[in-house]
C-alpha atoms as a PDB file:
ATOM      1  CA  MET A   1      40.564  75.885 103.989  1.00  0.00           C
ATOM      2  CA  THR A   2      43.993  74.667 105.355  1.00  0.00           C
ATOM      3  CA  ARG A   3      46.743  76.575 103.463  1.00  0.00           C
ATOM      4  CA  ALA A   4      47.736  76.726  99.634  1.00  0.00           C
ATOM      5  CA  VAL A   5      50.593  76.673  98.468  1.00  0.00           C
ATOM      6  CA  LEU A   6      51.951  78.539  95.261  1.00  0.00           C
ATOM      7  CA  VAL A   7      54.772  76.748  92.803  1.00  0.00           C
ATOM      8  CA  VAL A   8      55.936  79.867  90.314  1.00  0.00           C
ATOM      9  CA  ASN A   9      58.263  79.378  87.420  1.00  0.00           C
ATOM     10  CA  ALA A  10      60.344  82.073  88.347  1.00  0.00           C
ATOM     11  CA  ALA A  11      61.791  82.356  84.643  1.00  0.00           C
ATOM     12  CA  LYS A  12      58.016  83.809  83.623  1.00  0.00           C
ATOM     13  CA  ALA A  13      57.915  86.623  85.860  1.00  0.00           C
ATOM     14  CA  ASP A  14      60.688  89.155  87.500  1.00  0.00           C
ATOM     15  CA  ALA A  15      60.755  89.870  91.259  1.00  0.00           C
ATOM     16  CA  ALA A  16      58.295  92.461  90.670  1.00  0.00           C
ATOM     17  CA  GLN A  17      55.552  90.512  88.672  1.00  0.00           C
ATOM     18  CA  ILE A  18      56.231  87.642  91.706  1.00  0.00           C
ATOM     19  CA  GLU A  19      55.451  89.952  94.422  1.00  0.00           C
ATOM     20  CA  ALA A  20      52.520  91.866  92.584  1.00  0.00           C
ATOM     21  CA  LEU A  21      50.852  87.847  91.989  1.00  0.00           C
ATOM     22  CA  ARG A  22      51.741  87.163  95.451  1.00  0.00           C
ATOM     23  CA  ARG A  23      49.916  90.577  96.907  1.00  0.00           C
ATOM     24  CA  GLU A  24      47.317  89.879  93.731  1.00  0.00           C
ATOM     25  CA  THR A  25      46.965  86.199  95.730  1.00  0.00           C
ATOM     26  CA  VAL A  26      46.564  87.567  99.225  1.00  0.00           C
ATOM     27  CA  ALA A  27      43.717  89.366  99.145  1.00  0.00           C
ATOM     28  CA  ALA A  28      41.625  86.975  96.794  1.00  0.00           C
ATOM     29  CA  PHE A  29      42.215  84.085  99.400  1.00  0.00           C
ATOM     30  CA  ALA A  30      41.604  86.873 102.085  1.00  0.00           C
ATOM     31  CA  ALA A  31      38.578  87.635 100.655  1.00  0.00           C
ATOM     32  CA  VAL A  32      36.802  84.386 100.326  1.00  0.00           C
ATOM     33  CA  GLY A  33      39.074  83.475 104.053  1.00  0.00           C
ATOM     34  CA  TRP A  34      41.540  81.426 103.488  1.00  0.00           C
ATOM     35  CA  PRO A  35      44.761  81.683 104.897  1.00  0.00           C
ATOM     36  CA  GLU A  36      47.640  83.387 102.994  1.00  0.00           C
ATOM     37  CA  PRO A  37      49.124  80.782 100.849  1.00  0.00           C
ATOM     38  CA  GLY A  38      53.054  80.128 101.038  1.00  0.00           C
ATOM     39  CA  LEU A  39      55.051  80.891  97.938  1.00  0.00           C
ATOM     40  CA  LEU A  40      57.987  78.660  96.548  1.00  0.00           C
ATOM     41  CA  LEU A  41      60.142  78.979  92.845  1.00  0.00           C
ATOM     42  CA  THR A  42      61.051  76.992  90.425  1.00  0.00           C
ATOM     43  CA  THR A  43      64.878  76.420  89.921  1.00  0.00           C
ATOM     44  CA  ARG A  44      66.461  75.928  86.569  1.00  0.00           C
ATOM     45  CA  GLN A  45      67.248  72.124  88.369  1.00  0.00           C
ATOM     46  CA  ASN A  46      63.971  71.566  89.777  1.00  0.00           C
ATOM     47  CA  PRO A  47      61.089  73.016  87.503  1.00  0.00           C
ATOM     48  CA  GLY A  48      58.098  72.548  89.733  1.00  0.00           C
ATOM     49  CA  GLY A  49      58.365  68.897  91.579  1.00  0.00           C
ATOM     50  CA  ARG A  50      59.917  69.015  94.279  1.00  0.00           C
ATOM     51  CA  GLN A  51      58.860  72.148  94.968  1.00  0.00           C
ATOM     52  CA  ALA A  52      55.470  69.978  94.623  1.00  0.00           C
ATOM     53  CA  ARG A  53      56.508  67.300  96.985  1.00  0.00           C
ATOM     54  CA  ALA A  54      58.030  69.898  99.802  1.00  0.00           C
ATOM     55  CA  ALA A  55      54.542  71.392 100.049  1.00  0.00           C
ATOM     56  CA  LEU A  56      52.531  68.418 100.594  1.00  0.00           C
ATOM     57  CA  SER A  57      54.974  66.859 103.245  1.00  0.00           C
ATOM     58  CA  ASP A  58      54.174  70.356 104.462  1.00  0.00           C
ATOM     59  CA  GLY A  59      50.353  69.376 104.563  1.00  0.00           C
ATOM     60  CA  ALA A  60      49.276  71.823 101.498  1.00  0.00           C
ATOM     61  CA  ARG A  61      45.647  71.022 100.326  1.00  0.00           C
ATOM     62  CA  LEU A  62      45.949  72.598  97.176  1.00  0.00           C
ATOM     63  CA  VAL A  63      48.948  73.449  95.319  1.00  0.00           C
ATOM     64  CA  VAL A  64      48.725  75.981  92.560  1.00  0.00           C
ATOM     65  CA  ALA A  65      51.169  75.844  89.277  1.00  0.00           C
ATOM     66  CA  CYS A  66      52.039  78.882  88.911  1.00  0.00           C
ATOM     67  CA  GLY A  67      53.832  78.692  85.039  1.00  0.00           C
ATOM     68  CA  GLY A  68      53.546  77.195  81.770  1.00  0.00           C
ATOM     69  CA  ASP A  69      53.102  73.762  80.676  1.00  0.00           C
ATOM     70  CA  GLY A  70      56.035  72.498  81.453  1.00  0.00           C
ATOM     71  CA  THR A  71      55.605  73.804  85.411  1.00  0.00           C
ATOM     72  CA  VAL A  72      52.389  72.930  85.243  1.00  0.00           C
ATOM     73  CA  ASN A  73      53.636  69.300  84.213  1.00  0.00           C
ATOM     74  CA  ALA A  74      56.190  68.745  86.994  1.00  0.00           C
ATOM     75  CA  VAL A  75      53.681  69.777  89.745  1.00  0.00           C
ATOM     76  CA  ALA A  76      51.140  67.425  87.991  1.00  0.00           C
ATOM     77  CA  GLU A  77      53.270  64.444  88.632  1.00  0.00           C
ATOM     78  CA  ALA A  78      54.085  65.057  91.312  1.00  0.00           C
ATOM     79  CA  LEU A  79      50.346  65.632  92.869  1.00  0.00           C
ATOM     80  CA  ALA A  80      49.660  62.559  90.636  1.00  0.00           C
ATOM     81  CA  GLU A  81      47.369  59.769  92.906  1.00  0.00           C
ATOM     82  CA  THR A  82      48.001  62.137  95.780  1.00  0.00           C
ATOM     83  CA  GLY A  83      44.595  63.405  95.765  1.00  0.00           C
ATOM     84  CA  ILE A  84      45.211  66.763  96.209  1.00  0.00           C
ATOM     85  CA  PRO A  85      44.305  69.399  93.230  1.00  0.00           C
ATOM     86  CA  LEU A  86      45.966  70.856  91.675  1.00  0.00           C
ATOM     87  CA  GLY A  87      46.042  74.491  91.075  1.00  0.00           C
ATOM     88  CA  ILE A  88      46.634  76.910  87.434  1.00  0.00           C
ATOM     89  CA  ILE A  89      47.085  80.284  86.998  1.00  0.00           C
ATOM     90  CA  PRO A  90      48.763  80.204  83.390  1.00  0.00           C
ATOM     91  CA  LEU A  91      52.200  82.328  82.427  1.00  0.00           C
ATOM     92  CA  GLY A  92      53.309  79.917  79.724  1.00  0.00           C
ATOM     93  CA  THR A  93      53.356  80.081  76.086  1.00  0.00           C
ATOM     94  CA  GLY A  94      51.221  78.047  75.225  1.00  0.00           C
ATOM     95  CA  ASN A  95      48.968  76.886  78.525  1.00  0.00           C
ATOM     96  CA  LEU A  96      47.555  74.009  76.883  1.00  0.00           C
ATOM     97  CA  LEU A  97      45.806  72.088  79.888  1.00  0.00           C
ATOM     98  CA  ALA A  98      45.002  75.541  81.393  1.00  0.00           C
ATOM     99  CA  ALA A  99      43.252  76.379  77.781  1.00  0.00           C
ATOM    100  CA  ASN A 100      41.237  72.699  76.947  1.00  0.00           C
ATOM    101  CA  LEU A 101      39.494  73.558  81.180  1.00  0.00           C
ATOM    102  CA  GLU A 102      38.818  76.719  80.232  1.00  0.00           C
ATOM    103  CA  ILE A 103      40.509  77.778  83.231  1.00  0.00           C
ATOM    104  CA  PRO A 104      40.586  82.302  82.301  1.00  0.00           C
ATOM    105  CA  THR A 105      44.774  83.131  81.333  1.00  0.00           C
ATOM    106  CA  THR A 106      44.319  86.591  83.660  1.00  0.00           C
ATOM    107  CA  VAL A 107      45.457  85.866  86.592  1.00  0.00           C
ATOM    108  CA  GLY A 108      42.548  87.690  88.052  1.00  0.00           C
ATOM    109  CA  GLY A 109      40.383  84.924  86.427  1.00  0.00           C
ATOM    110  CA  ALA A 110      42.197  81.619  86.932  1.00  0.00           C
ATOM    111  CA  LEU A 111      42.140  82.938  91.092  1.00  0.00           C
ATOM    112  CA  GLU A 112      38.528  83.266  90.275  1.00  0.00           C
ATOM    113  CA  VAL A 113      39.169  79.653  89.591  1.00  0.00           C
ATOM    114  CA  LEU A 114      40.737  78.703  93.073  1.00  0.00           C
ATOM    115  CA  THR A 115      38.326  79.885  95.144  1.00  0.00           C
ATOM    116  CA  THR A 116      34.893  79.038  93.575  1.00  0.00           C
ATOM    117  CA  GLY A 117      35.667  76.130  91.411  1.00  0.00           C
ATOM    118  CA  VAL A 118      35.586  72.393  91.740  1.00  0.00           C
ATOM    119  CA  ASP A 119      38.228  69.244  91.873  1.00  0.00           C
ATOM    120  CA  ARG A 120      37.825  67.185  88.649  1.00  0.00           C
ATOM    121  CA  PRO A 121      39.653  64.272  87.660  1.00  0.00           C
ATOM    122  CA  ILE A 122      41.203  63.992  84.838  1.00  0.00           C
ATOM    123  CA  ASP A 123      43.226  61.439  83.374  1.00  0.00           C
ATOM    124  CA  LEU A 124      47.060  60.979  82.366  1.00  0.00           C
ATOM    125  CA  GLY A 125      49.484  59.835  79.662  1.00  0.00           C
ATOM    126  CA  ARG A 126      52.629  58.307  81.463  1.00  0.00           C
ATOM    127  CA  SER A 127      55.470  57.742  78.760  1.00  0.00           C
ATOM    128  CA  GLY A 128      59.313  57.055  79.393  1.00  0.00           C
ATOM    129  CA  GLY A 129      58.749  57.915  83.720  1.00  0.00           C
ATOM    130  CA  ARG A 130      56.575  60.649  83.103  1.00  0.00           C
ATOM    131  CA  VAL A 131      53.704  62.000  82.952  1.00  0.00           C
ATOM    132  CA  PHE A 132      52.329  64.792  80.606  1.00  0.00           C
ATOM    133  CA  ALA A 133      48.428  66.217  81.589  1.00  0.00           C
ATOM    134  CA  ALA A 134      48.435  67.683  77.460  1.00  0.00           C
ATOM    135  CA  ILE A 135      49.854  66.330  74.483  1.00  0.00           C
ATOM    136  CA  ALA A 136      53.192  64.599  73.931  1.00  0.00           C
ATOM    137  CA  GLY A 137      54.009  63.444  69.888  1.00  0.00           C
ATOM    138  CA  PHE A 138      57.159  64.277  67.821  1.00  0.00           C
ATOM    139  CA  GLY A 139      57.644  65.837  64.466  1.00  0.00           C
ATOM    140  CA  LEU A 140      57.236  68.483  63.384  1.00  0.00           C
ATOM    141  CA  ASP A 141      55.633  70.054  66.851  1.00  0.00           C
ATOM    142  CA  ALA A 142      58.659  68.882  68.614  1.00  0.00           C
ATOM    143  CA  THR A 143      60.528  70.599  66.192  1.00  0.00           C
ATOM    144  CA  MET A 144      58.347  73.902  66.609  1.00  0.00           C
ATOM    145  CA  VAL A 145      58.959  73.622  70.803  1.00  0.00           C
ATOM    146  CA  ALA A 146      62.489  73.135  70.315  1.00  0.00           C
ATOM    147  CA  ASP A 147      64.038  75.504  67.728  1.00  0.00           C
ATOM    148  CA  ALA A 148      61.063  78.159  68.715  1.00  0.00           C
ATOM    149  CA  PRO A 149      63.331  81.696  70.001  1.00  0.00           C
ATOM    150  CA  ALA A 150      62.652  81.825  73.862  1.00  0.00           C
ATOM    151  CA  TRP A 151      63.103  85.769  73.454  1.00  0.00           C
ATOM    152  CA  LEU A 152      60.063  85.346  70.579  1.00  0.00           C
ATOM    153  CA  LYS A 153      58.029  83.065  73.288  1.00  0.00           C
ATOM    154  CA  LYS A 154      58.151  85.720  76.198  1.00  0.00           C
ATOM    155  CA  ARG A 155      57.187  88.294  74.046  1.00  0.00           C
ATOM    156  CA  VAL A 156      54.282  87.853  71.600  1.00  0.00           C
ATOM    157  CA  GLY A 157      53.652  84.223  73.475  1.00  0.00           C
ATOM    158  CA  TRP A 158      52.550  81.236  71.402  1.00  0.00           C
ATOM    159  CA  PRO A 159      52.711  83.634  67.794  1.00  0.00           C
ATOM    160  CA  ALA A 160      56.193  82.398  68.107  1.00  0.00           C
ATOM    161  CA  TYR A 161      56.107  79.286  67.382  1.00  0.00           C
ATOM    162  CA  LEU A 162      55.072  80.018  63.732  1.00  0.00           C
ATOM    163  CA  VAL A 163      58.576  81.512  62.607  1.00  0.00           C
ATOM    164  CA  SER A 164      59.509  77.553  63.500  1.00  0.00           C
ATOM    165  CA  ILE A 165      56.856  76.051  61.986  1.00  0.00           C
ATOM    166  CA  ALA A 166      57.610  78.186  59.031  1.00  0.00           C
ATOM    167  CA  ARG A 167      61.348  76.638  58.951  1.00  0.00           C
ATOM    168  CA  HIS A 168      60.440  73.379  58.997  1.00  0.00           C
ATOM    169  CA  LEU A 169      57.497  73.552  56.485  1.00  0.00           C
ATOM    170  CA  GLY A 170      59.384  70.795  53.559  1.00  0.00           C
ATOM    171  CA  ASP A 171      61.305  68.409  56.285  1.00  0.00           C
ATOM    172  CA  ARG A 172      61.012  64.818  55.045  1.00  0.00           C
ATOM    173  CA  GLY A 173      58.486  62.964  56.397  1.00  0.00           C
ATOM    174  CA  ILE A 174      58.930  59.442  58.177  1.00  0.00           C
ATOM    175  CA  ARG A 175      57.218  55.867  58.094  1.00  0.00           C
ATOM    176  CA  VAL A 176      55.659  55.266  61.608  1.00  0.00           C
ATOM    177  CA  ASN A 177      54.749  51.709  63.297  1.00  0.00           C
ATOM    178  CA  LEU A 178      51.719  52.227  65.437  1.00  0.00           C
ATOM    179  CA  GLU A 179      50.412  49.610  68.641  1.00  0.00           C
ATOM    180  CA  LEU A 180      47.225  50.734  69.452  1.00  0.00           C
ATOM    181  CA  ASP A 181      45.899  48.164  72.366  1.00  0.00           C
ATOM    182  CA  GLY A 182      47.763  45.610  70.520  1.00  0.00           C
ATOM    183  CA  ARG A 183      46.770  46.914  66.928  1.00  0.00           C
ATOM    184  CA  ARG A 184      48.888  47.324  64.471  1.00  0.00           C
ATOM    185  CA  VAL A 185      48.713  50.595  61.979  1.00  0.00           C
ATOM    186  CA  ARG A 186      52.044  51.326  59.423  1.00  0.00           C
ATOM    187  CA  ARG A 187      51.932  55.206  58.065  1.00  0.00           C
ATOM    188  CA  ALA A 188      54.039  56.967  55.448  1.00  0.00           C
ATOM    189  CA  GLY A 189      55.233  60.295  55.097  1.00  0.00           C
ATOM    190  CA  VAL A 190      54.334  61.574  59.049  1.00  0.00           C
ATOM    191  CA  ARG A 191      55.309  64.961  59.153  1.00  0.00           C
ATOM    192  CA  THR A 192      53.424  64.756  62.673  1.00  0.00           C
ATOM    193  CA  LEU A 193      52.243  62.612  65.101  1.00  0.00           C
ATOM    194  CA  LEU A 194      50.533  63.693  68.661  1.00  0.00           C
ATOM    195  CA  ILE A 195      49.126  61.682  71.697  1.00  0.00           C
ATOM    196  CA  GLY A 196      46.928  63.689  73.235  1.00  0.00           C
ATOM    197  CA  ASN A 197      44.912  64.266  76.905  1.00  0.00           C
ATOM    198  CA  VAL A 198      43.100  66.987  75.290  1.00  0.00           C
ATOM    199  CA  GLY A 199      42.357  68.135  71.669  1.00  0.00           C
ATOM    200  CA  ARG A 200      42.418  71.955  71.442  1.00  0.00           C
ATOM    201  CA  VAL A 201      46.305  73.780  70.454  1.00  0.00           C
ATOM    202  CA  HIS A 202      47.684  76.546  70.272  1.00  0.00           C
ATOM    203  CA  GLY A 203      45.492  79.074  68.788  1.00  0.00           C
ATOM    204  CA  GLY A 204      42.664  77.438  69.488  1.00  0.00           C
ATOM    205  CA  LEU A 205      43.637  75.047  66.923  1.00  0.00           C
ATOM    206  CA  ASP A 206      41.289  71.015  67.524  1.00  0.00           C
ATOM    207  CA  LEU A 207      43.934  68.714  66.465  1.00  0.00           C
ATOM    208  CA  LEU A 208      41.964  65.929  68.501  1.00  0.00           C
ATOM    209  CA  PRO A 209      37.926  67.104  68.786  1.00  0.00           C
ATOM    210  CA  GLN A 210      37.030  63.780  70.325  1.00  0.00           C
ATOM    211  CA  ALA A 211      39.897  63.802  73.159  1.00  0.00           C
ATOM    212  CA  GLU A 212      38.518  64.166  77.063  1.00  0.00           C
ATOM    213  CA  PRO A 213      40.500  64.847  79.574  1.00  0.00           C
ATOM    214  CA  ASP A 214      38.339  62.076  81.531  1.00  0.00           C
ATOM    215  CA  ASP A 215      37.643  59.207  79.293  1.00  0.00           C
ATOM    216  CA  GLY A 216      40.458  56.855  80.438  1.00  0.00           C
ATOM    217  CA  LEU A 217      41.570  57.047  76.521  1.00  0.00           C
ATOM    218  CA  LEU A 218      44.325  58.913  74.772  1.00  0.00           C
ATOM    219  CA  ASP A 219      43.845  60.216  71.349  1.00  0.00           C
ATOM    220  CA  VAL A 220      46.157  59.976  68.542  1.00  0.00           C
ATOM    221  CA  VAL A 221      46.607  62.527  65.278  1.00  0.00           C
ATOM    222  CA  VAL A 222      48.794  61.430  62.294  1.00  0.00           C
ATOM    223  CA  LEU A 223      49.741  63.877  59.860  1.00  0.00           C
ATOM    224  CA  ALA A 224      50.986  62.957  56.702  1.00  0.00           C
ATOM    225  CA  PRO A 225      50.797  65.880  54.075  1.00  0.00           C
ATOM    226  CA  ARG A 226      51.843  65.963  50.924  1.00  0.00           C
ATOM    227  CA  GLY A 227      53.886  68.400  49.127  1.00  0.00           C
ATOM    228  CA  ARG A 228      55.392  70.793  51.545  1.00  0.00           C
ATOM    229  CA  VAL A 229      53.196  74.200  51.470  1.00  0.00           C
ATOM    230  CA  LEU A 230      49.300  72.989  49.286  1.00  0.00           C
ATOM    231  CA  GLY A 231      49.971  69.687  51.349  1.00  0.00           C
ATOM    232  CA  TRP A 232      49.810  71.831  54.466  1.00  0.00           C
ATOM    233  CA  LEU A 233      47.193  73.510  53.598  1.00  0.00           C
ATOM    234  CA  THR A 234      45.273  70.264  52.765  1.00  0.00           C
ATOM    235  CA  VAL A 235      45.600  69.399  56.219  1.00  0.00           C
ATOM    236  CA  LEU A 236      45.002  72.954  57.131  1.00  0.00           C
ATOM    237  CA  THR A 237      41.174  72.488  55.282  1.00  0.00           C
ATOM    238  CA  ARG A 238      40.602  69.392  57.179  1.00  0.00           C
ATOM    239  CA  LEU A 239      42.075  70.650  60.928  1.00  0.00           C
ATOM    240  CA  LEU A 240      39.176  73.409  60.677  1.00  0.00           C
ATOM    241  CA  THR A 241      36.278  71.561  59.522  1.00  0.00           C
ATOM    242  CA  ARG A 242      36.620  69.097  61.508  1.00  0.00           C
ATOM    243  CA  SER A 243      36.654  66.127  59.566  1.00  0.00           C
ATOM    244  CA  ASP A 244      36.962  62.873  61.789  1.00  0.00           C
ATOM    245  CA  ARG A 245      36.936  61.192  57.933  1.00  0.00           C
ATOM    246  CA  HIS A 246      40.164  59.573  57.875  1.00  0.00           C
ATOM    247  CA  THR A 247      42.439  59.936  54.451  1.00  0.00           C
ATOM    248  CA  ASP A 248      46.578  59.512  53.674  1.00  0.00           C
ATOM    249  CA  THR A 249      47.053  63.263  55.086  1.00  0.00           C
ATOM    250  CA  VAL A 250      45.210  63.488  58.779  1.00  0.00           C
ATOM    251  CA  SER A 251      44.316  60.207  60.649  1.00  0.00           C
ATOM    252  CA  ARG A 252      43.314  59.720  64.098  1.00  0.00           C
ATOM    253  CA  TYR A 253      42.731  56.412  66.584  1.00  0.00           C
ATOM    254  CA  ARG A 254      41.699  56.179  70.531  1.00  0.00           C
ATOM    255  CA  ALA A 255      43.913  53.412  72.828  1.00  0.00           C
ATOM    256  CA  ARG A 256      44.792  53.217  76.068  1.00  0.00           C
ATOM    257  CA  HIS A 257      48.279  52.171  74.951  1.00  0.00           C
ATOM    258  CA  ILE A 258      49.870  53.426  72.792  1.00  0.00           C
ATOM    259  CA  VAL A 259      53.277  52.127  71.015  1.00  0.00           C
ATOM    260  CA  ALA A 260      55.409  54.746  67.985  1.00  0.00           C
ATOM    261  CA  ARG A 261      58.131  53.620  66.299  1.00  0.00           C
ATOM    262  CA  THR A 262      59.994  54.893  63.746  1.00  0.00           C
ATOM    263  CA  ARG A 263      63.285  53.520  61.955  1.00  0.00           C
ATOM    264  CA  ARG A 264      65.569  56.672  63.089  1.00  0.00           C
ATOM    265  CA  PRO A 265      65.193  59.138  66.064  1.00  0.00           C
ATOM    266  CA  VAL A 266      63.263  62.268  65.638  1.00  0.00           C
ATOM    267  CA  ASP A 267      62.395  65.218  68.044  1.00  0.00           C
ATOM    268  CA  ARG A 268      59.767  64.545  70.740  1.00  0.00           C
ATOM    269  CA  GLU A 269      58.277  66.783  72.874  1.00  0.00           C
ATOM    270  CA  LEU A 270      56.065  66.090  76.518  1.00  0.00           C
ATOM    271  CA  ASP A 271      53.424  68.397  77.525  1.00  0.00           C
ATOM    272  CA  GLY A 272      55.230  71.672  75.460  1.00  0.00           C
ATOM    273  CA  GLU A 273      59.053  70.400  77.472  1.00  0.00           C
ATOM    274  CA  PRO A 274      61.894  68.589  74.697  1.00  0.00           C
ATOM    275  CA  LEU A 275      62.259  65.303  74.865  1.00  0.00           C
ATOM    276  CA  VAL A 276      65.795  63.432  74.341  1.00  0.00           C
ATOM    277  CA  ARG A 277      65.995  62.668  70.798  1.00  0.00           C
ATOM    278  CA  ALA A 278      64.206  58.544  69.633  1.00  0.00           C
ATOM    279  CA  SER A 279      63.391  56.121  67.823  1.00  0.00           C
ATOM    280  CA  ILE A 280      60.470  55.556  70.550  1.00  0.00           C
ATOM    281  CA  LEU A 281      57.617  56.976  71.989  1.00  0.00           C
ATOM    282  CA  GLU A 282      54.833  55.019  74.452  1.00  0.00           C
ATOM    283  CA  ALA A 283      52.112  56.563  76.077  1.00  0.00           C
ATOM    284  CA  LYS A 284      49.803  55.212  79.241  1.00  0.00           C
ATOM    285  CA  VAL A 285      46.854  56.683  80.277  1.00  0.00           C
ATOM    286  CA  SER A 286      46.487  56.237  84.382  1.00  0.00           C
ATOM    287  CA  PRO A 287      42.400  57.283  84.213  1.00  0.00           C
ATOM    288  CA  SER A 288      41.180  59.560  87.160  1.00  0.00           C
ATOM    289  CA  ALA A 289      45.192  59.846  88.424  1.00  0.00           C
ATOM    290  CA  LEU A 290      45.085  63.977  88.399  1.00  0.00           C
ATOM    291  CA  LEU A 291      42.441  66.681  90.552  1.00  0.00           C
ATOM    292  CA  VAL A 292      42.633  69.746  88.618  1.00  0.00           C
ATOM    293  CA  ARG A 293      40.333  73.125  90.231  1.00  0.00           C
ATOM    294  CA  VAL A 294      38.187  74.151  87.383  1.00  0.00           C
ATOM    295  CA  PRO A 295      35.706  76.369  87.207  1.00  0.00           C
ATOM    296  CA  HIS A 296      32.882  75.926  88.450  1.00  0.00           C
ATOM    297  CA  GLY A 297      29.909  74.342  86.564  1.00  0.00           C
ATOM    298  CA  GLN A 298      32.038  71.251  84.684  1.00  0.00           C
ATOM    299  CA  ASP A 299      30.740  68.167  85.006  1.00  0.00           C
ATOM    300  CA  PRO A 300      33.592  66.032  87.194  1.00  0.00           C
ATOM    301  CA  HIS A 301      32.459  62.883  85.954  1.00  0.00           C
ATOM    302  CA  SER A 302      31.345  64.063  82.226  1.00  0.00           C
ATOM    303  CA  SER A 303      32.628  61.349  80.236  1.00  0.00           C
ATOM    304  CA  ALA A 304      34.329  58.640  82.747  1.00  0.00           C
ATOM    305  CA  VAL A 305      34.587  54.949  80.639  1.00  0.00           C
ATOM    306  CA  THR A 306      32.678  52.601  82.119  1.00  0.00           C
ATOM    307  CA  ALA A 307      34.900  48.865  82.935  1.00  0.00           C
ATOM    308  CA  ASP A 308      33.761  47.010  80.290  1.00  0.00           C
ATOM    309  CA  SER A 309      34.732  49.643  77.277  1.00  0.00           C
ATOM    310  CA  THR A 310      36.862  48.194  74.528  1.00  0.00           C
ATOM    311  CA  GLY A 311      40.129  48.761  74.725  1.00  0.00           C
ATOM    312  CA  LEU A 312      40.515  50.605  71.260  1.00  0.00           C
ATOM    313  CA  LYS A 313      38.915  53.198  69.748  1.00  0.00           C
ATOM    314  CA  GLU A 314      39.310  53.753  66.237  1.00  0.00           C
ATOM    315  CA  LEU A 315      38.748  57.054  63.933  1.00  0.00           C
ATOM    316  CA  SER A 316      38.319  55.613  60.070  1.00  0.00           C
ATOM    317  CA  VAL A 317      41.247  53.745  61.065  1.00  0.00           C
ATOM    318  CA  PRO A 318      42.330  52.224  57.507  1.00  0.00           C
END
């Protein structure tokens, strides 16, 4: 085993925590005969991509993102199409990709996956010159990400987002023009739109039940509740029951190339990181672009799309 390299988000751990992580990793690797891993810390200016590329230049055969979805995203972007696997030790607020790939949230559990797991090829979404491994979107989801108090996220984790959601439940809906592999769909009163490579979000809520990270498609969910509290309760009920029936409030689509346009600039996010406000969100799937170390037992070719698969997959399109 050529030496692995840990890319650690220095904002998620202090010096003592980083040293404890290093020691635990060294011990876990030594137990299976692996050499001591390298360790690189992120900075505000370089959140993981530069460190991952440096690890590749140094000959690393496994690069481990130790942080949240932003760190995972930055490292994934550097590893895309290289054939070098991404390992994950979840230290963030959402940890969406790790949760969807059933990677444990404990350091010990994540290290066991690194040393005993398999490498699974997954798709990546590409948007505006960047990639996303989990979810991109705009509306309430993006506003939630931008507005959640940083101190509360550090203290309680993803429930901090509930504070931000409560502030914006009454935000005005917007009209969205969607292009799904060339087919056009219009929706009004939209509060949030998500484009997902995976389906489960914070709290285990399955927004995109059919989403698979290796099916060669991106999934879309559009939420357009009528009213403030009661409208969102109706949406939540449909999501909890995993209903795939199309309605005016919840609709889902699947496609390889997605363009969503709004009449005015809106908050946007990509893998939990805020983007500049804009009136367009475009995403294309890049099939099997990234290898990820996942728990042993996952089928690394579980849901690949065949070459003759149709471009647009629809779920109850109106």
